[in-house]
Amino acid sequence: IERSLVLVATRYVLERGEERELELLSLGTGFVVADGCVATNKHVVEPWKFASCAQHLAEGWRLAEDSVVWALWPEGARVLDAQGQ
């Protein structure tokens, strides 16, 4: 049986006018359902739409569309290197 669990990380930036200083990271889990397909929750891949960002959005911050990056690691993989990076 192959490992099917993955850690999903979503990095994104919120901007307000010319400000682009709120770089945020969301973590969650998912599982492989087919080659190249992972099932996870919507709050993991679009965290800016949920409660944790509600205060920022109320203050006028908006998602920088070009800033969204997703990363996946299979179960058991080392996410941090020896320097904690």
PDB file of N, CA and C in Angstrom:
ATOM      1  N   ILE A   1       0.855  -1.174   0.000  1.00  0.00           N
ATOM      2  CA  ILE A   1       0.000   0.000   0.000  1.00  0.00           C
ATOM      3  C   ILE A   1       0.896   1.230   0.000  1.00  0.00           C
ATOM      4  N   GLU A   2       0.679   2.128  -0.936  1.00  0.00           N
ATOM      5  CA  GLU A   2       1.447   3.361  -0.997  1.00  0.00           C
ATOM      6  C   GLU A   2       0.912   4.349   0.034  1.00  0.00           C
ATOM      7  N   ARG A   3       1.810   5.226   0.486  1.00  0.00           N
ATOM      8  CA  ARG A   3       1.374   6.294   1.391  1.00  0.00           C
ATOM      9  C   ARG A   3       0.464   7.234   0.626  1.00  0.00           C
ATOM     10  N   SER A   4      -0.628   7.609   1.240  1.00  0.00           N
ATOM     11  CA  SER A   4      -1.583   8.454   0.527  1.00  0.00           C
ATOM     12  C   SER A   4      -1.851   9.790   1.216  1.00  0.00           C
ATOM     13  N   LEU A   5      -1.336   9.992   2.416  1.00  0.00           N
ATOM     14  CA  LEU A   5      -1.557  11.262   3.113  1.00  0.00           C
ATOM     15  C   LEU A   5      -0.527  12.291   2.664  1.00  0.00           C
ATOM     16  N   VAL A   6      -0.949  13.550   2.585  1.00  0.00           N
ATOM     17  CA  VAL A   6      -0.039  14.631   2.224  1.00  0.00           C
ATOM     18  C   VAL A   6      -0.270  15.823   3.149  1.00  0.00           C
ATOM     19  N   LEU A   7       0.795  16.596   3.339  1.00  0.00           N
ATOM     20  CA  LEU A   7       0.705  17.883   4.007  1.00  0.00           C
ATOM     21  C   LEU A   7       0.574  18.925   2.908  1.00  0.00           C
ATOM     22  N   VAL A   8      -0.386  19.817   3.033  1.00  0.00           N
ATOM     23  CA  VAL A   8      -0.633  20.842   2.026  1.00  0.00           C
ATOM     24  C   VAL A   8      -0.345  22.205   2.650  1.00  0.00           C
ATOM     25  N   ALA A   9       0.495  22.981   1.987  1.00  0.00           N
ATOM     26  CA  ALA A   9       0.815  24.332   2.456  1.00  0.00           C
ATOM     27  C   ALA A   9       0.388  25.324   1.388  1.00  0.00           C
ATOM     28  N   THR A  10      -0.283  26.378   1.797  1.00  0.00           N
ATOM     29  CA  THR A  10      -0.688  27.444   0.891  1.00  0.00           C
ATOM     30  C   THR A  10      -0.056  28.742   1.382  1.00  0.00           C
ATOM     31  N   ARG A  11       0.756  29.361   0.530  1.00  0.00           N
ATOM     32  CA  ARG A  11       1.377  30.651   0.851  1.00  0.00           C
ATOM     33  C   ARG A  11       0.715  31.701  -0.023  1.00  0.00           C
ATOM     34  N   TYR A  12       0.402  32.841   0.568  1.00  0.00           N
ATOM     35  CA  TYR A  12      -0.270  33.895  -0.190  1.00  0.00           C
ATOM     36  C   TYR A  12       0.015  35.244   0.447  1.00  0.00           C
ATOM     37  N   VAL A  13      -0.238  36.287  -0.312  1.00  0.00           N
ATOM     38  CA  VAL A  13       0.006  37.652   0.137  1.00  0.00           C
ATOM     39  C   VAL A  13      -1.297  38.435   0.075  1.00  0.00           C
ATOM     40  N   LEU A  14      -1.548  39.202   1.125  1.00  0.00           N
ATOM     41  CA  LEU A  14      -2.660  40.150   1.099  1.00  0.00           C
ATOM     42  C   LEU A  14      -2.064  41.526   0.853  1.00  0.00           C
ATOM     43  N   GLU A  15      -2.755  42.312   0.063  1.00  0.00           N
ATOM     44  CA  GLU A  15      -2.273  43.663  -0.246  1.00  0.00           C
ATOM     45  C   GLU A  15      -3.356  44.679   0.039  1.00  0.00           C
ATOM     46  N   ARG A  16      -2.917  45.886   0.300  1.00  0.00           N
ATOM     47  CA  ARG A  16      -3.849  46.995   0.531  1.00  0.00           C
ATOM     48  C   ARG A  16      -3.230  48.201  -0.157  1.00  0.00           C
ATOM     49  N   GLY A  17      -3.819  48.614  -1.262  1.00  0.00           N
ATOM     50  CA  GLY A  17      -3.247  49.699  -2.042  1.00  0.00           C
ATOM     51  C   GLY A  17      -1.879  49.289  -2.549  1.00  0.00           C
ATOM     52  N   GLU A  18      -0.861  50.046  -2.208  1.00  0.00           N
ATOM     53  CA  GLU A  18       0.511  49.731  -2.623  1.00  0.00           C
ATOM     54  C   GLU A  18       1.221  48.804  -1.634  1.00  0.00           C
ATOM     55  N   GLU A  19       0.590  48.531  -0.485  1.00  0.00           N
ATOM     56  CA  GLU A  19       1.203  47.667   0.521  1.00  0.00           C
ATOM     57  C   GLU A  19       1.060  46.200   0.127  1.00  0.00           C
ATOM     58  N   ARG A  20       2.161  45.443   0.213  1.00  0.00           N
ATOM     59  CA  ARG A  20       2.135  43.995  -0.008  1.00  0.00           C
ATOM     60  C   ARG A  20       2.968  43.344   1.081  1.00  0.00           C
ATOM     61  N   GLU A  21       2.549  43.520   2.311  1.00  0.00           N
ATOM     62  CA  GLU A  21       3.402  43.054   3.386  1.00  0.00           C
ATOM     63  C   GLU A  21       2.854  41.894   4.196  1.00  0.00           C
ATOM     64  N   LEU A  22       1.614  41.503   3.980  1.00  0.00           N
ATOM     65  CA  LEU A  22       1.058  40.413   4.766  1.00  0.00           C
ATOM     66  C   LEU A  22       1.228  39.090   4.020  1.00  0.00           C
ATOM     67  N   GLU A  23       2.384  38.450   4.197  1.00  0.00           N
ATOM     68  CA  GLU A  23       2.606  37.130   3.603  1.00  0.00           C
ATOM     69  C   GLU A  23       2.160  36.097   4.626  1.00  0.00           C
ATOM     70  N   LEU A  24       1.248  35.241   4.238  1.00  0.00           N
ATOM     71  CA  LEU A  24       0.635  34.305   5.170  1.00  0.00           C
ATOM     72  C   LEU A  24       0.804  32.872   4.692  1.00  0.00           C
ATOM     73  N   LEU A  25       0.731  31.934   5.624  1.00  0.00           N
ATOM     74  CA  LEU A  25       0.876  30.517   5.320  1.00  0.00           C
ATOM     75  C   LEU A  25      -0.224  29.754   6.021  1.00  0.00           C
ATOM     76  N   SER A  26      -0.837  28.849   5.283  1.00  0.00           N
ATOM     77  CA  SER A  26      -1.870  27.997   5.839  1.00  0.00           C
ATOM     78  C   SER A  26      -1.438  26.553   5.643  1.00  0.00           C
ATOM     79  N   LEU A  27      -1.651  25.724   6.642  1.00  0.00           N
ATOM     80  CA  LEU A  27      -1.300  24.312   6.549  1.00  0.00           C
ATOM     81  C   LEU A  27      -2.524  23.446   6.762  1.00  0.00           C
ATOM     82  N   GLY A  28      -2.543  22.311   6.091  1.00  0.00           N
ATOM     83  CA  GLY A  28      -3.613  21.345   6.256  1.00  0.00           C
ATOM     84  C   GLY A  28      -3.171  20.010   5.713  1.00  0.00           C
ATOM     85  N   THR A  29      -4.068  19.072   5.700  1.00  0.00           N
ATOM     86  CA  THR A  29      -3.751  17.744   5.187  1.00  0.00           C
ATOM     87  C   THR A  29      -4.698  17.387   4.057  1.00  0.00           C
ATOM     88  N   GLY A  30      -4.318  16.377   3.335  1.00  0.00           N
ATOM     89  CA  GLY A  30      -5.151  15.857   2.267  1.00  0.00           C
ATOM     90  C   GLY A  30      -4.762  14.417   2.014  1.00  0.00           C
ATOM     91  N   PHE A  31      -5.386  13.811   1.021  1.00  0.00           N
ATOM     92  CA  PHE A  31      -5.010  12.450   0.662  1.00  0.00           C
ATOM     93  C   PHE A  31      -5.105  12.285  -0.846  1.00  0.00           C
ATOM     94  N   VAL A  32      -4.242  11.417  -1.365  1.00  0.00           N
ATOM     95  CA  VAL A  32      -4.183  11.161  -2.801  1.00  0.00           C
ATOM     96  C   VAL A  32      -5.385  10.301  -3.175  1.00  0.00           C
ATOM     97  N   VAL A  33      -6.150  10.755  -4.177  1.00  0.00           N
ATOM     98  CA  VAL A  33      -7.302   9.981  -4.638  1.00  0.00           C
ATOM     99  C   VAL A  33      -7.041   9.355  -6.003  1.00  0.00           C
ATOM    100  N   ALA A  34      -6.067   9.879  -6.742  1.00  0.00           N
ATOM    101  CA  ALA A  34      -5.667   9.344  -8.050  1.00  0.00           C
ATOM    102  C   ALA A  34      -4.350  10.010  -8.404  1.00  0.00           C
ATOM    103  N   ASP A  35      -3.676   9.504  -9.434  1.00  0.00           N
ATOM    104  CA  ASP A  35      -2.429  10.128  -9.858  1.00  0.00           C
ATOM    105  C   ASP A  35      -2.646  11.607 -10.134  1.00  0.00           C
ATOM    106  N   GLY A  36      -1.939  12.457  -9.404  1.00  0.00           N
ATOM    107  CA  GLY A  36      -2.021  13.895  -9.608  1.00  0.00           C
ATOM    108  C   GLY A  36      -3.217  14.575  -8.975  1.00  0.00           C
ATOM    109  N   CYS A  37      -4.049  13.840  -8.251  1.00  0.00           N
ATOM    110  CA  CYS A  37      -5.238  14.437  -7.625  1.00  0.00           C
ATOM    111  C   CYS A  37      -5.205  14.219  -6.115  1.00  0.00           C
ATOM    112  N   VAL A  38      -5.374  15.317  -5.378  1.00  0.00           N
ATOM    113  CA  VAL A  38      -5.394  15.268  -3.921  1.00  0.00           C
ATOM    114  C   VAL A  38      -6.700  15.863  -3.436  1.00  0.00           C
ATOM    115  N   ALA A  39      -7.351  15.201  -2.506  1.00  0.00           N
ATOM    116  CA  ALA A  39      -8.565  15.732  -1.886  1.00  0.00           C
ATOM    117  C   ALA A  39      -8.176  16.399  -0.575  1.00  0.00           C
ATOM    118  N   THR A  40      -8.684  17.595  -0.370  1.00  0.00           N
ATOM    119  CA  THR A  40      -8.448  18.323   0.873  1.00  0.00           C
ATOM    120  C   THR A  40      -9.647  19.231   1.104  1.00  0.00           C
ATOM    121  N   ASN A  41      -9.596  20.035   2.135  1.00  0.00           N
ATOM    122  CA  ASN A  41     -10.684  20.964   2.423  1.00  0.00           C
ATOM    123  C   ASN A  41     -10.443  22.308   1.750  1.00  0.00           C
ATOM    124  N   LYS A  42     -11.521  22.991   1.443  1.00  0.00           N
ATOM    125  CA  LYS A  42     -11.417  24.285   0.772  1.00  0.00           C
ATOM    126  C   LYS A  42     -10.652  25.309   1.604  1.00  0.00           C
ATOM    127  N   HIS A  43     -10.798  25.269   2.929  1.00  0.00           N
ATOM    128  CA  HIS A  43     -10.089  26.240   3.766  1.00  0.00           C
ATOM    129  C   HIS A  43      -8.567  26.029   3.725  1.00  0.00           C
ATOM    130  N   VAL A  44      -8.113  24.877   3.245  1.00  0.00           N
ATOM    131  CA  VAL A  44      -6.677  24.613   3.120  1.00  0.00           C
ATOM    132  C   VAL A  44      -6.112  25.278   1.859  1.00  0.00           C
ATOM    133  N   VAL A  45      -6.854  25.241   0.762  1.00  0.00           N
ATOM    134  CA  VAL A  45      -6.343  25.786  -0.503  1.00  0.00           C
ATOM    135  C   VAL A  45      -6.801  27.210  -0.789  1.00  0.00           C
ATOM    136  N   GLU A  46      -7.818  27.695  -0.097  1.00  0.00           N
ATOM    137  CA  GLU A  46      -8.287  29.075  -0.240  1.00  0.00           C
ATOM    138  C   GLU A  46      -8.535  29.684   1.138  1.00  0.00           C
ATOM    139  N   PRO A  47      -7.490  29.737   1.974  1.00  0.00           N
ATOM    140  CA  PRO A  47      -7.695  30.200   3.354  1.00  0.00           C
ATOM    141  C   PRO A  47      -8.124  31.650   3.467  1.00  0.00           C
ATOM    142  N   TRP A  48      -7.856  32.456   2.471  1.00  0.00           N
ATOM    143  CA  TRP A  48      -8.224  33.873   2.531  1.00  0.00           C
ATOM    144  C   TRP A  48      -9.735  34.075   2.506  1.00  0.00           C
ATOM    145  N   LYS A  49     -10.501  33.046   2.222  1.00  0.00           N
ATOM    146  CA  LYS A  49     -11.963  33.156   2.196  1.00  0.00           C
ATOM    147  C   LYS A  49     -12.607  32.814   3.535  1.00  0.00           C
ATOM    148  N   PHE A  50     -11.801  32.492   4.530  1.00  0.00           N
ATOM    149  CA  PHE A  50     -12.354  31.986   5.782  1.00  0.00           C
ATOM    150  C   PHE A  50     -11.980  32.856   6.972  1.00  0.00           C
ATOM    151  N   ALA A  51     -12.493  32.494   8.112  1.00  0.00           N
ATOM    152  CA  ALA A  51     -12.470  33.321   9.322  1.00  0.00           C
ATOM    153  C   ALA A  51     -11.101  33.866   9.716  1.00  0.00           C
ATOM    154  N   SER A  52     -10.040  33.102   9.512  1.00  0.00           N
ATOM    155  CA  SER A  52      -8.732  33.573   9.969  1.00  0.00           C
ATOM    156  C   SER A  52      -8.302  34.860   9.273  1.00  0.00           C
ATOM    157  N   CYS A  53      -8.850  35.132   8.103  1.00  0.00           N
ATOM    158  CA  CYS A  53      -8.506  36.369   7.390  1.00  0.00           C
ATOM    159  C   CYS A  53      -9.608  37.414   7.465  1.00  0.00           C
ATOM    160  N   ALA A  54     -10.682  37.123   8.116  1.00  0.00           N
ATOM    161  CA  ALA A  54     -11.823  38.035   8.135  1.00  0.00           C
ATOM    162  C   ALA A  54     -11.449  39.427   8.627  1.00  0.00           C
ATOM    163  N   GLN A  55     -10.627  39.502   9.664  1.00  0.00           N
ATOM    164  CA  GLN A  55     -10.233  40.804  10.196  1.00  0.00           C
ATOM    165  C   GLN A  55      -9.415  41.587   9.179  1.00  0.00           C
ATOM    166  N   HIS A  56      -8.460  40.925   8.519  1.00  0.00           N
ATOM    167  CA  HIS A  56      -7.644  41.601   7.498  1.00  0.00           C
ATOM    168  C   HIS A  56      -8.519  42.096   6.345  1.00  0.00           C
ATOM    169  N   LEU A  57      -9.434  41.250   5.894  1.00  0.00           N
ATOM    170  CA  LEU A  57     -10.301  41.641   4.779  1.00  0.00           C
ATOM    171  C   LEU A  57     -11.204  42.798   5.171  1.00  0.00           C
ATOM    172  N   ALA A  58     -11.657  42.811   6.418  1.00  0.00           N
ATOM    173  CA  ALA A  58     -12.490  43.910   6.900  1.00  0.00           C
ATOM    174  C   ALA A  58     -11.701  45.216   6.948  1.00  0.00           C
ATOM    175  N   GLU A  59     -10.396  45.122   7.096  1.00  0.00           N
ATOM    176  CA  GLU A  59      -9.540  46.309   7.147  1.00  0.00           C
ATOM    177  C   GLU A  59      -9.080  46.756   5.754  1.00  0.00           C
ATOM    178  N   GLY A  60      -9.639  46.144   4.710  1.00  0.00           N
ATOM    179  CA  GLY A  60      -9.327  46.580   3.354  1.00  0.00           C
ATOM    180  C   GLY A  60      -8.241  45.812   2.631  1.00  0.00           C
ATOM    181  N   TRP A  61      -7.693  44.764   3.238  1.00  0.00           N
ATOM    182  CA  TRP A  61      -6.702  43.939   2.566  1.00  0.00           C
ATOM    183  C   TRP A  61      -7.389  43.041   1.542  1.00  0.00           C
ATOM    184  N   ARG A  62      -6.710  42.766   0.431  1.00  0.00           N
ATOM    185  CA  ARG A  62      -7.227  41.885  -0.624  1.00  0.00           C
ATOM    186  C   ARG A  62      -6.139  40.918  -1.044  1.00  0.00           C
ATOM    187  N   LEU A  63      -6.551  39.777  -1.569  1.00  0.00           N
ATOM    188  CA  LEU A  63      -5.613  38.771  -2.045  1.00  0.00           C
ATOM    189  C   LEU A  63      -4.844  39.281  -3.258  1.00  0.00           C
ATOM    190  N   ALA A  64      -3.525  39.135  -3.253  1.00  0.00           N
ATOM    191  CA  ALA A  64      -2.699  39.394  -4.435  1.00  0.00           C
ATOM    192  C   ALA A  64      -2.756  38.111  -5.264  1.00  0.00           C
ATOM    193  N   GLU A  65      -3.574  38.114  -6.300  1.00  0.00           N
ATOM    194  CA  GLU A  65      -3.854  36.898  -7.085  1.00  0.00           C
ATOM    195  C   GLU A  65      -2.598  36.166  -7.540  1.00  0.00           C
ATOM    196  N   ASP A  66      -1.555  36.913  -7.897  1.00  0.00           N
ATOM    197  CA  ASP A  66      -0.333  36.300  -8.415  1.00  0.00           C
ATOM    198  C   ASP A  66       0.571  35.745  -7.322  1.00  0.00           C
ATOM    199  N   SER A  67       0.152  35.833  -6.079  1.00  0.00           N
ATOM    200  CA  SER A  67       1.015  35.434  -4.970  1.00  0.00           C
ATOM    201  C   SER A  67       0.761  34.015  -4.464  1.00  0.00           C
ATOM    202  N   VAL A  68      -0.304  33.375  -4.896  1.00  0.00           N
ATOM    203  CA  VAL A  68      -0.710  32.086  -4.332  1.00  0.00           C
ATOM    204  C   VAL A  68       0.220  30.965  -4.815  1.00  0.00           C
ATOM    205  N   VAL A  69       0.760  30.226  -3.844  1.00  0.00           N
ATOM    206  CA  VAL A  69       1.626  29.079  -4.142  1.00  0.00           C
ATOM    207  C   VAL A  69       1.180  27.925  -3.250  1.00  0.00           C
ATOM    208  N   TRP A  70       1.028  26.757  -3.859  1.00  0.00           N
ATOM    209  CA  TRP A  70       0.701  25.555  -3.091  1.00  0.00           C
ATOM    210  C   TRP A  70       1.888  24.614  -3.124  1.00  0.00           C
ATOM    211  N   ALA A  71       2.111  23.905  -2.028  1.00  0.00           N
ATOM    212  CA  ALA A  71       3.162  22.896  -1.953  1.00  0.00           C
ATOM    213  C   ALA A  71       2.595  21.677  -1.252  1.00  0.00           C
ATOM    214  N   LEU A  72       3.012  20.502  -1.700  1.00  0.00           N
ATOM    215  CA  LEU A  72       2.547  19.245  -1.120  1.00  0.00           C
ATOM    216  C   LEU A  72       3.744  18.399  -0.724  1.00  0.00           C
ATOM    217  N   TRP A  73       3.640  17.743   0.428  1.00  0.00           N
ATOM    218  CA  TRP A  73       4.661  16.802   0.859  1.00  0.00           C
ATOM    219  C   TRP A  73       3.982  15.498   1.217  1.00  0.00           C
ATOM    220  N   PRO A  74       4.522  14.375   0.747  1.00  0.00           N
ATOM    221  CA  PRO A  74       3.931  13.086   1.109  1.00  0.00           C
ATOM    222  C   PRO A  74       4.188  12.749   2.570  1.00  0.00           C
ATOM    223  N   GLU A  75       3.344  11.898   3.099  1.00  0.00           N
ATOM    224  CA  GLU A  75       3.475  11.443   4.481  1.00  0.00           C
ATOM    225  C   GLU A  75       4.890  10.919   4.723  1.00  0.00           C
ATOM    226  N   GLY A  76       5.489  11.347   5.801  1.00  0.00           N
ATOM    227  CA  GLY A  76       6.814  10.875   6.161  1.00  0.00           C
ATOM    228  C   GLY A  76       7.948  11.704   5.593  1.00  0.00           C
ATOM    229  N   ALA A  77       7.678  12.624   4.674  1.00  0.00           N
ATOM    230  CA  ALA A  77       8.726  13.459   4.094  1.00  0.00           C
ATOM    231  C   ALA A  77       9.181  14.492   5.105  1.00  0.00           C
ATOM    232  N   ARG A  78      10.441  14.899   5.021  1.00  0.00           N
ATOM    233  CA  ARG A  78      10.948  15.957   5.885  1.00  0.00           C
ATOM    234  C   ARG A  78      10.573  17.292   5.269  1.00  0.00           C
ATOM    235  N   VAL A  79       9.839  18.101   5.994  1.00  0.00           N
ATOM    236  CA  VAL A  79       9.396  19.392   5.498  1.00  0.00           C
ATOM    237  C   VAL A  79      10.454  20.452   5.740  1.00  0.00           C
ATOM    238  N   LEU A  80      11.156  20.369   6.849  1.00  0.00           N
ATOM    239  CA  LEU A  80      12.195  21.346   7.175  1.00  0.00           C
ATOM    240  C   LEU A  80      13.570  20.736   6.940  1.00  0.00           C
ATOM    241  N   ASP A  81      14.506  21.568   6.487  1.00  0.00           N
ATOM    242  CA  ASP A  81      15.874  21.104   6.357  1.00  0.00           C
ATOM    243  C   ASP A  81      16.584  21.208   7.711  1.00  0.00           C
ATOM    244  N   ALA A  82      17.868  20.871   7.754  1.00  0.00           N
ATOM    245  CA  ALA A  82      18.609  20.850   9.013  1.00  0.00           C
ATOM    246  C   ALA A  82      18.676  22.213   9.682  1.00  0.00           C
ATOM    247  N   GLN A  83      18.577  23.297   8.895  1.00  0.00           N
ATOM    248  CA  GLN A  83      18.598  24.644   9.454  1.00  0.00           C
ATOM    249  C   GLN A  83      17.203  25.146   9.818  1.00  0.00           C
ATOM    250  N   GLY A  84      16.205  24.274   9.689  1.00  0.00           N
ATOM    251  CA  GLY A  84      14.847  24.675  10.020  1.00  0.00           C
ATOM    252  C   GLY A  84      14.191  25.518   8.939  1.00  0.00           C
ATOM    253  N   GLN A  85      14.701  25.464   7.738  1.00  0.00           N
ATOM    254  CA  GLN A  85      14.162  26.228   6.608  1.00  0.00           C
ATOM    255  C   GLN A  85      13.103  25.422   5.873  1.00  0.00           C
TER     256      GLN A  85
END
